[in-house]
Amino acid sequence: MKILVLNGPNLNLLGTREKNIYGSVKLEDIKKELEKLALELSVEIDFLQTNSETGLIEKVHYAKNNFDGIIINPAAYTHTSIALMDAIAAVDMPAVEVHLSNLYAREEFRHKSYPAKVCIGQISGFGQHSYTLALRALVEYILSKKTL
């Protein structure tokens, strides 16, 4: 099983930006933790970050024939990108949206997520553990669909 993990804008600055919200964990730390869990779960992950909306959309399109599922932290594009939502819907594969912070405990404009409308679920507010929770949930979901 192969899972694509996509990270949106400014997540490359984790560990140095807004530590009161995102903590001191770096994106590389999240990647290492996910790689360790992926080994435990016997799955392969591809972990990418881009600040480009186009880059995210192109990777979602690429996932269609190359991966079994997607974990995505769209970052600020969560609240603005209908195009990203449409791309996730178009590839018709299970996707889980993740966020380090609890979107619903933050500013009102962050309460709306376009991608969540087409994802099988959303995990937010657990810091770096949002990613590991998402990987476990997505793998279980995919495995459950294969046994039906």
N, C-alpha and C. Protein backbone atom coordinates (compact mmCIF):
# COMPACT_ATOMS: atom_id res chain seq x y z
N MET A 1 0.86 -1.18 0.00
CA MET A 1 0.00 0.00 0.00
C MET A 1 0.89 1.23 0.00
N LYS A 2 0.51 2.21 -0.82
CA LYS A 2 1.28 3.46 -0.93
C LYS A 2 0.38 4.65 -0.59
N ILE A 3 0.91 5.51 0.28
CA ILE A 3 0.18 6.70 0.72
C ILE A 3 0.99 7.94 0.37
N LEU A 4 0.33 8.91 -0.23
CA LEU A 4 0.95 10.19 -0.53
C LEU A 4 0.61 11.17 0.60
N VAL A 5 1.63 11.80 1.16
CA VAL A 5 1.45 12.79 2.22
C VAL A 5 1.84 14.15 1.65
N LEU A 6 0.86 15.03 1.52
CA LEU A 6 1.07 16.35 0.94
C LEU A 6 0.97 17.45 2.00
N ASN A 7 1.86 18.39 1.91
CA ASN A 7 1.90 19.52 2.85
C ASN A 7 1.94 20.82 2.08
N GLY A 8 1.07 21.74 2.47
CA GLY A 8 0.92 23.00 1.76
C GLY A 8 1.81 24.12 2.23
N PRO A 9 1.41 25.35 1.91
CA PRO A 9 2.26 26.52 2.09
C PRO A 9 2.65 26.79 3.54
N ASN A 10 3.89 27.21 3.68
CA ASN A 10 4.50 27.65 4.93
C ASN A 10 4.80 26.52 5.91
N LEU A 11 4.42 25.30 5.59
CA LEU A 11 4.73 24.21 6.50
C LEU A 11 6.22 23.89 6.51
N ASN A 12 6.95 24.34 5.50
CA ASN A 12 8.40 24.22 5.51
C ASN A 12 9.03 25.08 6.61
N LEU A 13 8.27 26.00 7.18
CA LEU A 13 8.77 26.89 8.24
C LEU A 13 8.42 26.40 9.64
N LEU A 14 7.81 25.21 9.73
CA LEU A 14 7.47 24.67 11.05
C LEU A 14 8.71 24.60 11.93
N GLY A 15 8.51 24.86 13.20
CA GLY A 15 9.62 24.85 14.15
C GLY A 15 10.17 26.24 14.39
N THR A 16 9.89 27.15 13.44
CA THR A 16 10.36 28.53 13.60
C THR A 16 9.22 29.55 13.54
N ARG A 17 8.07 29.14 13.04
CA ARG A 17 6.97 30.10 12.88
C ARG A 17 5.87 29.85 13.91
N GLU A 18 5.36 30.90 14.47
CA GLU A 18 4.21 30.85 15.37
C GLU A 18 4.23 29.63 16.30
N LYS A 19 5.28 29.52 17.08
CA LYS A 19 5.45 28.37 17.96
C LYS A 19 4.31 28.25 18.97
N ASN A 20 3.68 29.36 19.31
CA ASN A 20 2.54 29.32 20.23
C ASN A 20 1.35 28.57 19.63
N ILE A 21 1.31 28.46 18.31
CA ILE A 21 0.22 27.74 17.64
C ILE A 21 0.69 26.36 17.17
N TYR A 22 1.86 26.32 16.53
CA TYR A 22 2.32 25.09 15.87
C TYR A 22 3.39 24.33 16.64
N GLY A 23 3.89 24.91 17.72
CA GLY A 23 4.92 24.23 18.50
C GLY A 23 6.29 24.33 17.84
N SER A 24 7.22 23.57 18.34
CA SER A 24 8.60 23.64 17.84
C SER A 24 8.96 22.47 16.92
N VAL A 25 8.00 21.62 16.64
CA VAL A 25 8.26 20.48 15.75
C VAL A 25 8.51 20.98 14.33
N LYS A 26 9.46 20.34 13.67
CA LYS A 26 9.77 20.68 12.28
C LYS A 26 9.10 19.66 11.36
N LEU A 27 8.89 20.05 10.11
CA LEU A 27 8.27 19.15 9.15
C LEU A 27 9.10 17.88 8.98
N GLU A 28 10.40 18.01 9.05
CA GLU A 28 11.28 16.84 8.94
C GLU A 28 11.03 15.86 10.09
N ASP A 29 10.73 16.40 11.29
CA ASP A 29 10.41 15.54 12.45
C ASP A 29 9.12 14.75 12.20
N ILE A 30 8.14 15.43 11.62
CA ILE A 30 6.87 14.77 11.30
C ILE A 30 7.11 13.68 10.27
N LYS A 31 7.92 13.98 9.27
CA LYS A 31 8.24 12.99 8.23
C LYS A 31 8.90 11.75 8.85
N LYS A 32 9.86 11.95 9.72
CA LYS A 32 10.55 10.82 10.34
C LYS A 32 9.60 9.98 11.18
N GLU A 33 8.71 10.64 11.92
CA GLU A 33 7.74 9.92 12.74
C GLU A 33 6.78 9.10 11.86
N LEU A 34 6.35 9.69 10.74
CA LEU A 34 5.47 8.97 9.82
C LEU A 34 6.18 7.81 9.13
N GLU A 35 7.43 8.00 8.76
CA GLU A 35 8.19 6.91 8.14
C GLU A 35 8.33 5.73 9.10
N LYS A 36 8.55 6.02 10.36
CA LYS A 36 8.65 4.96 11.37
C LYS A 36 7.33 4.20 11.48
N LEU A 37 6.22 4.94 11.55
CA LEU A 37 4.91 4.31 11.63
C LEU A 37 4.60 3.54 10.35
N ALA A 38 4.97 4.08 9.21
CA ALA A 38 4.72 3.40 7.94
C ALA A 38 5.40 2.03 7.91
N LEU A 39 6.61 1.97 8.41
CA LEU A 39 7.31 0.68 8.50
C LEU A 39 6.54 -0.30 9.37
N GLU A 40 6.07 0.20 10.50
CA GLU A 40 5.29 -0.63 11.44
C GLU A 40 4.01 -1.15 10.78
N LEU A 41 3.40 -0.31 9.95
CA LEU A 41 2.13 -0.67 9.30
C LEU A 41 2.34 -1.38 7.95
N SER A 42 3.58 -1.53 7.55
CA SER A 42 3.93 -2.16 6.26
C SER A 42 3.34 -1.40 5.08
N VAL A 43 3.45 -0.08 5.14
CA VAL A 43 3.02 0.75 4.02
C VAL A 43 4.17 1.65 3.59
N GLU A 44 4.08 2.13 2.38
CA GLU A 44 5.09 3.04 1.84
C GLU A 44 4.48 4.43 1.79
N ILE A 45 5.26 5.44 2.17
CA ILE A 45 4.77 6.81 2.06
C ILE A 45 5.71 7.64 1.21
N ASP A 46 5.13 8.61 0.55
CA ASP A 46 5.88 9.63 -0.18
C ASP A 46 5.46 10.96 0.46
N PHE A 47 6.41 11.70 1.01
CA PHE A 47 6.15 12.88 1.82
C PHE A 47 6.66 14.10 1.08
N LEU A 48 5.75 15.03 0.75
CA LEU A 48 6.12 16.20 -0.04
C LEU A 48 5.55 17.48 0.56
N GLN A 49 6.25 18.59 0.31
CA GLN A 49 5.77 19.91 0.72
C GLN A 49 5.96 20.87 -0.44
N THR A 50 4.95 21.71 -0.67
CA THR A 50 5.07 22.77 -1.66
C THR A 50 4.28 23.99 -1.19
N ASN A 51 4.76 25.15 -1.58
CA ASN A 51 4.05 26.38 -1.28
C ASN A 51 3.09 26.75 -2.41
N SER A 52 3.05 25.93 -3.44
CA SER A 52 2.28 26.21 -4.64
C SER A 52 0.96 25.44 -4.67
N GLU A 53 -0.12 26.15 -4.90
CA GLU A 53 -1.41 25.49 -5.07
C GLU A 53 -1.39 24.58 -6.29
N THR A 54 -0.78 25.05 -7.36
CA THR A 54 -0.65 24.24 -8.57
C THR A 54 0.12 22.95 -8.29
N GLY A 55 1.19 23.07 -7.51
CA GLY A 55 1.99 21.90 -7.15
C GLY A 55 1.18 20.86 -6.40
N LEU A 56 0.36 21.32 -5.46
CA LEU A 56 -0.49 20.39 -4.71
C LEU A 56 -1.48 19.70 -5.63
N ILE A 57 -2.11 20.46 -6.50
CA ILE A 57 -3.10 19.90 -7.42
C ILE A 57 -2.46 18.88 -8.35
N GLU A 58 -1.29 19.20 -8.88
CA GLU A 58 -0.61 18.25 -9.77
C GLU A 58 -0.24 16.96 -9.04
N LYS A 59 0.17 17.06 -7.79
CA LYS A 59 0.50 15.86 -7.01
C LYS A 59 -0.74 15.03 -6.72
N VAL A 60 -1.86 15.69 -6.46
CA VAL A 60 -3.12 14.96 -6.26
C VAL A 60 -3.47 14.21 -7.54
N HIS A 61 -3.34 14.86 -8.68
CA HIS A 61 -3.62 14.18 -9.96
C HIS A 61 -2.69 12.98 -10.15
N TYR A 62 -1.42 13.16 -9.84
CA TYR A 62 -0.44 12.08 -9.98
C TYR A 62 -0.79 10.89 -9.08
N ALA A 63 -1.39 11.17 -7.94
CA ALA A 63 -1.71 10.12 -6.97
C ALA A 63 -2.69 9.11 -7.55
N LYS A 64 -3.55 9.53 -8.44
CA LYS A 64 -4.63 8.67 -8.93
C LYS A 64 -4.16 7.28 -9.36
N ASN A 65 -3.10 7.18 -10.10
CA ASN A 65 -2.64 5.89 -10.60
C ASN A 65 -1.41 5.36 -9.89
N ASN A 66 -0.97 6.06 -8.85
CA ASN A 66 0.28 5.70 -8.21
C ASN A 66 0.21 5.46 -6.70
N PHE A 67 -0.92 5.80 -6.09
CA PHE A 67 -1.07 5.67 -4.64
C PHE A 67 -2.44 5.10 -4.30
N ASP A 68 -2.56 4.61 -3.07
CA ASP A 68 -3.84 4.06 -2.60
C ASP A 68 -4.64 5.09 -1.81
N GLY A 69 -3.99 6.14 -1.34
CA GLY A 69 -4.68 7.16 -0.55
C GLY A 69 -3.79 8.37 -0.35
N ILE A 70 -4.41 9.44 0.15
CA ILE A 70 -3.72 10.71 0.34
C ILE A 70 -3.97 11.23 1.75
N ILE A 71 -2.92 11.72 2.37
CA ILE A 71 -3.03 12.54 3.58
C ILE A 71 -2.60 13.92 3.16
N ILE A 72 -3.43 14.92 3.45
CA ILE A 72 -3.12 16.27 2.99
C ILE A 72 -3.32 17.30 4.08
N ASN A 73 -2.30 18.13 4.26
CA ASN A 73 -2.43 19.32 5.08
C ASN A 73 -2.36 20.48 4.10
N PRO A 74 -3.52 20.98 3.67
CA PRO A 74 -3.53 22.05 2.68
C PRO A 74 -3.10 23.40 3.23
N ALA A 75 -2.92 23.48 4.55
CA ALA A 75 -2.54 24.74 5.20
C ALA A 75 -3.55 25.83 4.80
N ALA A 76 -3.06 27.00 4.42
CA ALA A 76 -3.97 28.12 4.12
C ALA A 76 -4.91 27.83 2.95
N TYR A 77 -4.53 26.91 2.05
CA TYR A 77 -5.42 26.57 0.94
C TYR A 77 -6.68 25.84 1.40
N THR A 78 -6.68 25.39 2.64
CA THR A 78 -7.87 24.77 3.23
C THR A 78 -9.09 25.66 3.06
N HIS A 79 -8.89 26.95 3.29
CA HIS A 79 -9.98 27.90 3.39
C HIS A 79 -10.27 28.64 2.09
N THR A 80 -9.47 28.37 1.06
CA THR A 80 -9.59 29.16 -0.17
C THR A 80 -9.68 28.36 -1.46
N SER A 81 -9.22 27.12 -1.45
CA SER A 81 -9.00 26.44 -2.73
C SER A 81 -10.11 25.47 -3.14
N ILE A 82 -11.00 25.98 -3.94
CA ILE A 82 -12.01 25.14 -4.56
C ILE A 82 -11.33 24.21 -5.57
N ALA A 83 -10.27 24.70 -6.21
CA ALA A 83 -9.54 23.90 -7.19
C ALA A 83 -8.91 22.66 -6.53
N LEU A 84 -8.38 22.81 -5.34
CA LEU A 84 -7.80 21.66 -4.63
C LEU A 84 -8.90 20.68 -4.23
N MET A 85 -10.02 21.20 -3.76
CA MET A 85 -11.16 20.34 -3.44
C MET A 85 -11.59 19.55 -4.68
N ASP A 86 -11.70 20.25 -5.81
CA ASP A 86 -12.11 19.58 -7.05
C ASP A 86 -11.11 18.52 -7.48
N ALA A 87 -9.82 18.77 -7.29
CA ALA A 87 -8.79 17.79 -7.66
C ALA A 87 -8.93 16.53 -6.81
N ILE A 88 -9.14 16.69 -5.51
CA ILE A 88 -9.31 15.53 -4.63
C ILE A 88 -10.55 14.74 -5.03
N ALA A 89 -11.62 15.44 -5.33
CA ALA A 89 -12.85 14.76 -5.76
C ALA A 89 -12.62 14.04 -7.09
N ALA A 90 -11.88 14.64 -7.98
CA ALA A 90 -11.69 14.09 -9.32
C ALA A 90 -10.89 12.78 -9.32
N VAL A 91 -9.95 12.64 -8.40
CA VAL A 91 -9.14 11.41 -8.41
C VAL A 91 -9.87 10.25 -7.75
N ASP A 92 -10.95 10.53 -7.05
CA ASP A 92 -11.82 9.50 -6.49
C ASP A 92 -11.04 8.43 -5.71
N MET A 93 -10.29 8.91 -4.72
CA MET A 93 -9.55 7.99 -3.85
C MET A 93 -9.63 8.53 -2.43
N PRO A 94 -9.46 7.68 -1.43
CA PRO A 94 -9.60 8.15 -0.06
C PRO A 94 -8.51 9.14 0.33
N ALA A 95 -8.95 10.24 0.93
CA ALA A 95 -8.03 11.27 1.40
C ALA A 95 -8.45 11.70 2.80
N VAL A 96 -7.45 12.01 3.61
CA VAL A 96 -7.69 12.51 4.96
C VAL A 96 -7.01 13.87 5.07
N GLU A 97 -7.74 14.85 5.53
CA GLU A 97 -7.20 16.19 5.75
C GLU A 97 -6.66 16.28 7.18
N VAL A 98 -5.47 16.84 7.32
CA VAL A 98 -4.87 16.99 8.65
C VAL A 98 -4.45 18.44 8.90
N HIS A 99 -4.48 18.79 10.18
CA HIS A 99 -3.99 20.10 10.63
C HIS A 99 -3.37 19.94 12.00
N LEU A 100 -2.31 20.66 12.23
CA LEU A 100 -1.63 20.62 13.52
C LEU A 100 -2.48 21.27 14.61
N SER A 101 -3.07 22.41 14.28
CA SER A 101 -3.88 23.14 15.25
C SER A 101 -5.36 22.81 15.07
N ASN A 102 -6.14 23.12 16.07
CA ASN A 102 -7.59 22.92 16.00
C ASN A 102 -8.19 24.12 15.26
N LEU A 103 -8.57 23.91 14.02
CA LEU A 103 -9.11 24.99 13.20
C LEU A 103 -10.29 25.68 13.84
N TYR A 104 -11.09 24.93 14.57
CA TYR A 104 -12.34 25.44 15.11
C TYR A 104 -12.15 26.21 16.41
N ALA A 105 -10.93 26.22 16.92
CA ALA A 105 -10.60 27.01 18.11
C ALA A 105 -9.86 28.29 17.71
N ARG A 106 -9.78 28.52 16.41
CA ARG A 106 -9.03 29.67 15.89
C ARG A 106 -9.98 30.67 15.24
N GLU A 107 -9.44 31.55 14.42
CA GLU A 107 -10.24 32.60 13.80
C GLU A 107 -11.38 32.01 12.98
N GLU A 108 -12.46 32.75 12.90
CA GLU A 108 -13.67 32.29 12.21
C GLU A 108 -13.40 31.86 10.76
N PHE A 109 -12.56 32.59 10.03
CA PHE A 109 -12.33 32.25 8.63
C PHE A 109 -11.68 30.88 8.47
N ARG A 110 -11.04 30.37 9.52
CA ARG A 110 -10.40 29.05 9.46
C ARG A 110 -11.39 27.91 9.69
N HIS A 111 -12.61 28.22 10.03
CA HIS A 111 -13.60 27.18 10.32
C HIS A 111 -14.14 26.51 9.06
N LYS A 112 -13.91 27.09 7.90
CA LYS A 112 -14.40 26.52 6.65
C LYS A 112 -13.27 25.80 5.93
N SER A 113 -13.53 24.55 5.57
CA SER A 113 -12.56 23.78 4.80
C SER A 113 -13.21 23.27 3.53
N TYR A 114 -12.66 23.68 2.41
CA TYR A 114 -13.14 23.15 1.13
C TYR A 114 -12.75 21.68 0.96
N PRO A 115 -11.47 21.30 1.16
CA PRO A 115 -11.10 19.90 0.95
C PRO A 115 -11.87 18.92 1.85
N ALA A 116 -12.23 19.33 3.05
CA ALA A 116 -12.93 18.42 3.96
C ALA A 116 -14.23 17.90 3.35
N LYS A 117 -14.81 18.66 2.44
CA LYS A 117 -16.07 18.25 1.82
C LYS A 117 -15.92 16.99 0.97
N VAL A 118 -14.68 16.70 0.52
CA VAL A 118 -14.47 15.54 -0.35
C VAL A 118 -13.48 14.53 0.24
N CYS A 119 -13.05 14.77 1.46
CA CYS A 119 -12.16 13.82 2.15
C CYS A 119 -13.00 12.86 2.99
N ILE A 120 -12.45 11.69 3.30
CA ILE A 120 -13.19 10.75 4.13
C ILE A 120 -13.21 11.20 5.58
N GLY A 121 -12.28 12.08 5.96
CA GLY A 121 -12.24 12.59 7.33
C GLY A 121 -11.23 13.71 7.47
N GLN A 122 -11.31 14.33 8.65
CA GLN A 122 -10.40 15.43 8.97
C GLN A 122 -9.92 15.24 10.40
N ILE A 123 -8.61 15.40 10.62
CA ILE A 123 -8.03 15.29 11.96
C ILE A 123 -7.27 16.58 12.22
N SER A 124 -7.64 17.27 13.29
CA SER A 124 -6.96 18.53 13.60
C SER A 124 -6.83 18.70 15.11
N GLY A 125 -5.81 19.45 15.48
CA GLY A 125 -5.65 19.83 16.87
C GLY A 125 -4.74 18.96 17.70
N PHE A 126 -4.14 17.95 17.11
CA PHE A 126 -3.28 17.03 17.86
C PHE A 126 -1.80 17.25 17.57
N GLY A 127 -1.46 18.42 17.04
CA GLY A 127 -0.07 18.69 16.71
C GLY A 127 0.44 17.67 15.72
N GLN A 128 1.70 17.27 15.87
CA GLN A 128 2.31 16.32 14.93
C GLN A 128 1.59 14.98 14.94
N HIS A 129 0.88 14.67 16.03
CA HIS A 129 0.17 13.40 16.11
C HIS A 129 -1.04 13.36 15.18
N SER A 130 -1.48 14.52 14.69
CA SER A 130 -2.56 14.52 13.70
C SER A 130 -2.17 13.67 12.49
N TYR A 131 -0.91 13.73 12.11
CA TYR A 131 -0.43 12.96 10.96
C TYR A 131 -0.43 11.45 11.25
N THR A 132 0.03 11.04 12.41
CA THR A 132 0.07 9.61 12.70
C THR A 132 -1.34 9.06 12.86
N LEU A 133 -2.21 9.85 13.46
CA LEU A 133 -3.61 9.43 13.56
C LEU A 133 -4.21 9.28 12.17
N ALA A 134 -3.89 10.20 11.29
CA ALA A 134 -4.41 10.14 9.91
C ALA A 134 -3.89 8.92 9.17
N LEU A 135 -2.61 8.60 9.33
CA LEU A 135 -2.05 7.44 8.65
C LEU A 135 -2.71 6.16 9.14
N ARG A 136 -2.85 6.03 10.44
CA ARG A 136 -3.51 4.83 10.98
C ARG A 136 -4.95 4.72 10.46
N ALA A 137 -5.67 5.83 10.50
CA ALA A 137 -7.07 5.82 10.07
C ALA A 137 -7.19 5.51 8.58
N LEU A 138 -6.35 6.10 7.77
CA LEU A 138 -6.42 5.88 6.32
C LEU A 138 -6.07 4.44 5.96
N VAL A 139 -5.04 3.90 6.58
CA VAL A 139 -4.67 2.50 6.30
C VAL A 139 -5.81 1.57 6.69
N GLU A 140 -6.39 1.78 7.86
CA GLU A 140 -7.52 0.94 8.30
C GLU A 140 -8.70 1.07 7.34
N TYR A 141 -8.97 2.28 6.90
CA TYR A 141 -10.07 2.51 5.97
C TYR A 141 -9.83 1.74 4.66
N ILE A 142 -8.63 1.87 4.10
CA ILE A 142 -8.31 1.20 2.83
C ILE A 142 -8.39 -0.32 3.00
N LEU A 143 -7.83 -0.83 4.08
CA LEU A 143 -7.88 -2.27 4.32
C LEU A 143 -9.32 -2.77 4.47
N SER A 144 -10.15 -1.99 5.15
CA SER A 144 -11.55 -2.39 5.33
C SER A 144 -12.30 -2.43 4.00
N LYS A 145 -11.96 -1.56 3.08
CA LYS A 145 -12.61 -1.54 1.77
C LYS A 145 -12.16 -2.72 0.92
N LYS A 146 -10.92 -3.17 1.12
CA LYS A 146 -10.40 -4.30 0.35
C LYS A 146 -11.00 -5.62 0.79
N THR A 147 -11.48 -5.67 2.04
CA THR A 147 -12.03 -6.93 2.55
C THR A 147 -13.53 -7.05 2.30
N LEU A 148 -14.14 -6.02 1.78
CA LEU A 148 -15.59 -6.07 1.51
C LEU A 148 -15.90 -6.80 0.23
